[in-house]
Amino acid sequence: MIIILKKQADERKVEALKQEMISQGLSIHESEGANTRLLGLIGDTSVVDLRHIMANEIVENVKRIQEPYKKANRKFHPEDSVIKVGNVKIGGGHFAVIGGPCSIESKEQMVEVAEKVKEAGALLLRGGAFKPRTSPYSFQGLHGDGLKLLLEAKKATGLPVVTEIMDASHLPLFEDVDLIQVGTRNMQNFELLKELGKINKPILLKRGMASTIEEWLMSAEYIMAGGNENVILCERGIRTYETSMRNTLDLSAIPMIKKKSHLPVIVDPSHATGIRDMVEPMSLAAVAAGADGLMIEVHNDPARALCDGPQSLTPEAFAHLMDKVTKMREFFETL
């Protein structure tokens, strides 16, 4: 349920209304935009008398919300959320590209790629230290040693870093990581999501490979309900009947998410298609669809990559893509 307050409502009366709602066992999510101030009621709102609230002189309107997610719901929070990762803003008109290798392999690899993606215009650096793989025989990452190499690349370039967490027990290792990624296989690892809700650090939540948009938003709700509202969504393709690509990139999810939620949404075309030649057209399509950013896999020697080489761009190809993305965004700003 949402209570829409009148402009310049008396603060003492607003506080009295909030306390009345809290006394009925509800929690309150308050949001204030340029022209609107909202009180989102979370809990069993069946006990609330709408007519009683409407009779309050500071109330403009009251609306019931049917969606099970509240904090992630745009009706509770009409303004776009802007999530800050280090000194980088994502959402609300702020666009950012994350570049880097799928897996961290060596110090030389990480530093070289980090310098190249920064030079091309990337604002954040990605690199996988813990790699969930379908086969137990595939490269699983360098774990803690990989995180150390990622942080060395961060120190060398100044780029905020993004890496995936596999288990809540690893959280102490992620203290200096700027943006913690939850991968597709862990999107509904609710115990992990609850732990991430307790920390004050941005979370990049990838869509489950067979998850609906509502399930995705409910996973975001788990994090936000714990107190951490710094969530960025990442569309990375879903599993369909199509077999010519690794996954099917659901670009329609971008405008749908923006209709349903205030959270930023970025796109990972590398994992979505699994094909290097498709990364550029899908990146440009994502920009056209309104994405708040991109996550692109970049490797200095894709042919020898230990993980996902076929979908990784060379630094030169990444720079070419960044030039096109910049020009496309400049064009859209003129419309």
Protein backbone atom coordinates (compact mmCIF):
# COMPACT_ATOMS: atom_id res chain seq x y z
CA MET A 1 0.00 0.00 0.00
CA ILE A 2 1.18 3.53 -0.84
CA ILE A 3 0.14 6.73 0.90
CA ILE A 4 0.64 9.80 -1.29
CA LEU A 5 1.14 12.87 0.86
CA LYS A 6 0.07 16.40 -0.02
CA LYS A 7 2.77 18.92 -0.83
CA GLN A 8 4.21 20.70 2.20
CA ALA A 9 2.40 18.39 4.61
CA ASP A 10 2.95 19.28 8.27
CA GLU A 11 5.89 17.19 9.51
CA ARG A 12 4.36 16.60 12.92
CA LYS A 13 1.24 15.16 11.32
CA VAL A 14 3.34 13.05 8.94
CA GLU A 15 5.24 11.62 11.89
CA ALA A 16 1.98 10.92 13.74
CA LEU A 17 0.64 9.05 10.69
CA LYS A 18 3.84 7.01 10.43
CA GLN A 19 3.69 6.04 14.09
CA GLU A 20 0.06 5.01 13.69
CA MET A 21 0.99 2.68 10.82
CA ILE A 22 3.96 1.26 12.74
CA SER A 23 1.65 0.55 15.70
CA GLN A 24 -0.37 -1.70 13.38
CA GLY A 25 2.70 -3.87 12.72
CA LEU A 26 3.73 -2.27 9.44
CA SER A 27 7.12 -1.01 8.33
CA ILE A 28 7.47 2.13 6.23
CA HIS A 29 9.54 2.84 3.14
CA GLU A 30 9.63 6.59 2.57
CA SER A 31 10.41 8.09 -0.83
CA GLU A 32 10.53 11.71 -1.89
CA GLY A 33 10.79 12.82 -5.51
CA ALA A 34 10.78 16.24 -7.12
CA ASN A 35 7.01 16.63 -6.80
CA THR A 36 5.82 13.63 -4.78
CA ARG A 37 6.32 12.26 -1.29
CA LEU A 38 5.27 8.68 -0.64
CA LEU A 39 4.92 6.41 2.37
CA GLY A 40 5.11 2.77 1.31
CA LEU A 41 3.50 0.43 3.82
CA ILE A 42 5.10 -3.02 4.00
CA GLY A 43 3.43 -5.87 5.82
CA ASP A 44 -0.14 -7.13 6.23
CA THR A 45 -2.03 -4.06 4.97
CA SER A 46 -5.37 -5.86 5.19
CA VAL A 47 -5.64 -4.40 8.71
CA VAL A 48 -5.49 -0.84 7.35
CA ASP A 49 -8.69 1.16 6.83
CA LEU A 50 -8.25 3.14 3.60
CA ARG A 51 -11.12 5.48 4.44
CA HIS A 52 -9.54 6.36 7.77
CA ILE A 53 -6.25 7.26 6.06
CA MET A 54 -7.98 9.24 3.31
CA ALA A 55 -9.72 11.31 5.98
CA ASN A 56 -6.34 12.58 7.16
CA GLU A 57 -5.83 16.14 5.91
CA ILE A 58 -2.21 15.54 4.87
CA VAL A 59 -3.09 12.62 2.56
CA GLU A 60 -3.56 13.15 -1.17
CA ASN A 61 -4.37 9.55 -2.13
CA VAL A 62 -3.96 5.90 -1.10
CA LYS A 63 -3.22 3.00 -3.47
CA ARG A 64 -3.01 -0.73 -2.88
CA ILE A 65 -0.08 -2.54 -4.53
CA GLN A 66 -0.63 -6.03 -5.89
CA GLU A 67 2.99 -6.94 -6.74
CA PRO A 68 4.75 -8.99 -4.05
CA TYR A 69 7.93 -6.88 -4.30
CA LYS A 70 7.69 -3.53 -2.51
CA LYS A 71 11.09 -1.91 -2.11
CA ALA A 72 12.04 -2.70 -5.71
CA ASN A 73 8.68 -1.42 -6.97
CA ARG A 74 8.57 1.83 -8.95
CA LYS A 75 5.19 2.63 -7.40
CA PHE A 76 6.94 2.93 -4.04
CA HIS A 77 9.86 4.84 -5.55
CA PRO A 78 8.83 6.80 -8.70
CA GLU A 79 12.27 8.31 -9.30
CA ASP A 80 15.04 6.25 -10.92
CA SER A 81 17.57 5.02 -8.37
CA VAL A 82 21.16 6.07 -8.93
CA ILE A 83 23.63 3.56 -7.51
CA LYS A 84 27.14 4.76 -6.72
CA VAL A 85 30.02 2.31 -7.16
CA GLY A 86 33.18 4.01 -5.97
CA ASN A 87 33.06 7.30 -7.85
CA VAL A 88 30.90 5.89 -10.66
CA LYS A 89 27.14 6.45 -10.87
CA ILE A 90 24.80 4.01 -12.60
CA GLY A 91 21.12 4.71 -13.32
CA GLY A 92 19.01 7.84 -13.62
CA GLY A 93 20.74 8.89 -16.84
CA HIS A 94 24.20 7.76 -15.72
CA PHE A 95 25.63 5.12 -18.06
CA ALA A 96 28.63 2.91 -17.31
CA VAL A 97 30.49 0.12 -19.09
CA ILE A 98 32.16 -2.70 -17.14
CA GLY A 99 35.00 -4.39 -19.00
CA GLY A 100 37.45 -7.16 -18.22
CA PRO A 101 38.14 -10.89 -18.50
CA CYS A 102 35.76 -13.65 -17.50
CA SER A 103 38.39 -15.16 -15.24
CA ILE A 104 41.50 -13.79 -13.57
CA GLU A 105 44.52 -15.76 -14.82
CA SER A 106 47.64 -13.74 -13.97
CA LYS A 107 48.82 -10.35 -12.76
CA GLU A 108 50.11 -9.44 -16.22
CA GLN A 109 46.81 -10.35 -17.86
CA MET A 110 44.72 -8.37 -15.38
CA VAL A 111 46.84 -5.22 -15.40
CA GLU A 112 47.14 -5.20 -19.20
CA VAL A 113 43.41 -5.66 -19.75
CA ALA A 114 42.56 -3.15 -17.01
CA GLU A 115 44.73 -0.47 -18.61
CA LYS A 116 43.27 -1.17 -22.05
CA VAL A 117 39.60 -1.08 -21.01
CA LYS A 118 40.18 2.11 -19.02
CA GLU A 119 41.85 3.72 -22.01
CA ALA A 120 38.83 2.76 -24.15
CA GLY A 121 36.38 4.37 -21.72
CA ALA A 122 35.24 1.63 -19.34
CA LEU A 123 34.42 2.97 -15.89
CA LEU A 124 34.61 -0.34 -13.99
CA LEU A 125 36.81 -3.43 -14.18
CA ARG A 126 35.46 -6.98 -13.98
CA GLY A 127 37.31 -10.21 -13.32
CA GLY A 128 36.23 -13.60 -12.01
CA ALA A 129 38.10 -15.08 -9.05
CA PHE A 130 35.46 -17.68 -8.17
CA LYS A 131 34.04 -19.31 -11.31
CA PRO A 132 30.89 -21.47 -11.12
CA ARG A 133 31.22 -23.84 -14.07
CA THR A 134 28.82 -26.43 -15.44
CA SER A 135 31.61 -29.02 -15.58
CA PRO A 136 33.61 -29.85 -12.45
CA TYR A 137 36.64 -30.33 -14.74
CA SER A 138 36.59 -26.75 -16.06
CA PHE A 139 38.77 -23.96 -14.67
CA GLN A 140 37.20 -22.82 -11.39
CA GLY A 141 39.19 -19.61 -10.90
CA LEU A 142 42.09 -18.64 -8.63
CA HIS A 143 39.82 -17.83 -5.66
CA GLY A 144 41.54 -15.70 -3.00
CA ASP A 145 44.71 -15.34 -5.07
CA GLY A 146 42.58 -14.10 -7.95
CA LEU A 147 40.99 -11.45 -5.76
CA LYS A 148 44.44 -10.19 -4.80
CA LEU A 149 45.37 -9.85 -8.49
CA LEU A 150 42.11 -8.02 -9.20
CA LEU A 151 42.81 -5.56 -6.40
CA GLU A 152 46.33 -5.01 -7.77
CA ALA A 153 44.78 -4.08 -11.12
CA LYS A 154 42.42 -1.73 -9.26
CA LYS A 155 45.40 -0.08 -7.58
CA ALA A 156 47.21 0.27 -10.91
CA THR A 157 44.28 1.88 -12.75
CA GLY A 158 41.98 3.36 -10.12
CA LEU A 159 38.99 1.56 -11.63
CA PRO A 160 36.34 0.23 -9.21
CA VAL A 161 36.20 -3.57 -9.46
CA VAL A 162 33.39 -6.08 -9.95
CA THR A 163 33.61 -9.79 -9.14
CA GLU A 164 31.27 -12.67 -8.37
CA ILE A 165 30.62 -14.14 -4.95
CA MET A 166 29.74 -17.81 -4.56
CA ASP A 167 29.08 -18.18 -0.85
CA ALA A 168 28.34 -15.91 2.10
CA SER A 169 31.36 -17.34 3.92
CA HIS A 170 33.56 -15.56 1.33
CA LEU A 171 32.31 -12.09 2.31
CA PRO A 172 35.42 -11.18 4.38
CA LEU A 173 37.49 -11.59 1.20
CA PHE A 174 35.29 -9.03 -0.60
CA GLU A 175 35.91 -6.12 1.76
CA ASP A 176 37.79 -4.10 -0.89
CA VAL A 177 35.59 -5.16 -3.83
CA ASP A 178 33.48 -2.22 -5.02
CA LEU A 179 30.57 -4.11 -6.62
CA ILE A 180 29.69 -7.68 -5.64
CA GLN A 181 28.16 -9.75 -8.42
CA VAL A 182 25.56 -12.46 -7.82
CA GLY A 183 25.64 -14.81 -10.79
CA THR A 184 22.75 -16.45 -12.62
CA ARG A 185 23.12 -19.72 -10.68
CA ASN A 186 22.85 -17.91 -7.35
CA MET A 187 20.00 -15.54 -8.16
CA GLN A 188 17.70 -17.59 -5.94
CA ASN A 189 20.27 -18.50 -3.31
CA PHE A 190 18.12 -16.76 -0.72
CA GLU A 191 20.46 -17.31 2.21
CA LEU A 192 23.25 -15.58 0.27
CA LEU A 193 20.89 -12.75 -0.74
CA LYS A 194 19.87 -12.20 2.88
CA GLU A 195 23.51 -11.92 3.93
CA LEU A 196 24.16 -9.41 1.15
CA GLY A 197 21.22 -7.42 2.46
CA LYS A 198 23.11 -6.85 5.70
CA ILE A 199 26.14 -5.14 4.14
CA ASN A 200 26.60 -1.60 2.87
CA LYS A 201 27.96 -2.39 -0.57
CA PRO A 202 26.42 -2.28 -4.08
CA ILE A 203 25.22 -5.61 -5.49
CA LEU A 204 25.03 -6.57 -9.18
CA LEU A 205 22.23 -9.12 -9.43
CA LYS A 206 22.22 -11.19 -12.62
CA ARG A 207 18.99 -12.68 -13.90
CA GLY A 208 18.60 -16.42 -13.47
CA MET A 209 18.90 -18.24 -16.78
CA ALA A 210 15.35 -19.57 -16.46
CA SER A 211 13.81 -16.88 -14.25
CA THR A 212 10.87 -14.59 -14.88
CA ILE A 213 11.16 -10.85 -14.36
CA GLU A 214 9.02 -11.08 -11.23
CA GLU A 215 11.28 -13.79 -9.77
CA TRP A 216 14.27 -11.60 -10.57
CA LEU A 217 12.73 -8.61 -8.81
CA MET A 218 11.79 -10.77 -5.83
CA SER A 219 15.46 -11.74 -5.51
CA ALA A 220 16.34 -8.05 -5.49
CA GLU A 221 13.68 -7.63 -2.82
CA TYR A 222 15.49 -10.15 -0.59
CA ILE A 223 18.60 -7.96 -0.64
CA MET A 224 16.69 -4.72 -0.20
CA ALA A 225 14.48 -6.07 2.58
CA GLY A 226 17.65 -6.70 4.59
CA GLY A 227 18.51 -3.00 4.43
CA ASN A 228 20.84 -2.84 1.41
CA GLU A 229 19.00 -0.95 -1.33
CA ASN A 230 22.07 -0.55 -3.57
CA VAL A 231 21.07 -3.10 -6.20
CA ILE A 232 21.84 -3.05 -9.92
CA LEU A 233 20.09 -5.61 -12.15
CA CYS A 234 21.91 -7.36 -15.00
CA GLU A 235 20.12 -9.01 -17.92
CA ARG A 236 22.42 -11.80 -19.17
CA GLY A 237 20.16 -13.84 -21.40
CA ILE A 238 17.67 -16.59 -20.63
CA ARG A 239 17.40 -20.21 -21.70
CA THR A 240 14.92 -20.76 -24.53
CA TYR A 241 14.35 -23.35 -27.29
CA GLU A 242 16.98 -21.64 -29.46
CA THR A 243 20.26 -23.56 -29.66
CA SER A 244 22.31 -21.49 -32.12
CA MET A 245 23.40 -19.18 -29.27
CA ARG A 246 24.43 -19.76 -25.68
CA ASN A 247 21.30 -17.98 -24.41
CA THR A 248 18.63 -15.64 -25.76
CA LEU A 249 19.18 -11.98 -24.83
CA ASP A 250 15.85 -10.64 -23.58
CA LEU A 251 16.09 -6.97 -24.55
CA SER A 252 12.38 -6.53 -23.83
CA ALA A 253 13.28 -6.98 -20.16
CA ILE A 254 14.92 -3.53 -20.13
CA PRO A 255 11.81 -1.38 -20.73
CA MET A 256 9.69 -3.81 -18.70
CA ILE A 257 12.03 -3.52 -15.70
CA LYS A 258 12.01 0.25 -16.02
CA LYS A 259 8.22 0.18 -15.97
CA LYS A 260 8.05 -2.06 -12.92
CA SER A 261 11.11 -0.98 -10.93
CA HIS A 262 13.29 2.03 -10.18
CA LEU A 263 16.49 -0.04 -10.09
CA PRO A 264 19.15 0.41 -12.80
CA VAL A 265 19.47 -2.40 -15.33
CA ILE A 266 22.58 -3.21 -17.36
CA VAL A 267 23.14 -5.84 -20.05
CA ASP A 268 25.77 -8.56 -20.44
CA PRO A 269 25.77 -9.46 -24.17
CA SER A 270 28.87 -11.64 -23.81
CA HIS A 271 27.19 -14.32 -21.68
CA ALA A 272 23.85 -13.79 -23.41
CA THR A 273 25.10 -14.91 -26.82
CA GLY A 274 28.42 -16.64 -26.15
CA ILE A 275 29.55 -15.51 -29.62
CA ARG A 276 32.14 -12.76 -30.08
CA ASP A 277 30.64 -11.41 -33.33
CA MET A 278 27.27 -10.87 -31.66
CA VAL A 279 28.55 -8.79 -28.76
CA GLU A 280 28.70 -5.51 -30.69
CA PRO A 281 25.20 -5.59 -32.28
CA MET A 282 23.61 -6.75 -29.03
CA SER A 283 25.44 -4.03 -27.08
CA LEU A 284 24.14 -1.35 -29.43
CA ALA A 285 20.64 -2.83 -29.28
CA ALA A 286 20.80 -2.73 -25.47
CA VAL A 287 21.75 0.95 -25.57
CA ALA A 288 18.82 1.62 -27.90
CA ALA A 289 16.48 -0.26 -25.54
CA GLY A 290 17.47 2.03 -22.65
CA ALA A 291 20.04 0.02 -20.67
CA ASP A 292 21.94 1.89 -17.95
CA GLY A 293 25.20 0.15 -18.82
CA LEU A 294 26.97 -2.84 -20.32
CA MET A 295 29.20 -5.61 -19.03
CA ILE A 296 31.65 -6.78 -21.71
CA GLU A 297 34.20 -9.58 -21.50
CA VAL A 298 37.63 -8.48 -22.72
CA HIS A 299 40.74 -10.66 -22.91
CA ASN A 300 44.21 -9.80 -24.20
CA ASP A 301 44.48 -13.23 -25.86
CA PRO A 302 41.00 -14.78 -26.25
CA ALA A 303 42.31 -17.85 -28.10
CA ARG A 304 44.22 -18.88 -24.95
CA ALA A 305 41.64 -17.78 -22.38
CA LEU A 306 40.97 -20.31 -19.62
CA CYS A 307 37.28 -19.37 -19.57
CA ASP A 308 34.82 -18.15 -22.23
CA GLY A 309 37.38 -17.19 -24.88
CA PRO A 310 34.88 -17.50 -27.79
CA GLN A 311 32.77 -14.64 -26.41
CA SER A 312 35.61 -12.35 -25.30
CA LEU A 313 36.61 -9.26 -27.27
CA THR A 314 40.20 -8.22 -27.83
CA PRO A 315 41.12 -4.81 -26.35
CA GLU A 316 41.12 -3.39 -29.89
CA ALA A 317 37.61 -4.70 -30.62
CA PHE A 318 36.43 -3.36 -27.25
CA ALA A 319 37.79 0.10 -28.07
CA HIS A 320 35.97 -0.02 -31.43
CA LEU A 321 32.74 -0.99 -29.67
CA MET A 322 33.12 1.78 -27.08
CA ASP A 323 33.47 4.33 -29.87
CA LYS A 324 30.20 3.14 -31.41
CA VAL A 325 28.41 3.08 -28.04
CA THR A 326 29.53 6.65 -27.33
CA LYS A 327 28.34 7.89 -30.72
CA MET A 328 25.01 6.10 -30.36
CA ARG A 329 24.39 7.58 -26.93
CA GLU A 330 25.29 11.04 -28.20
CA PHE A 331 22.81 10.58 -31.04
CA PHE A 332 19.99 9.54 -28.70
CA GLU A 333 20.64 12.58 -26.52
CA THR A 334 19.78 14.78 -29.51
CA LEU A 335 16.36 13.19 -30.03
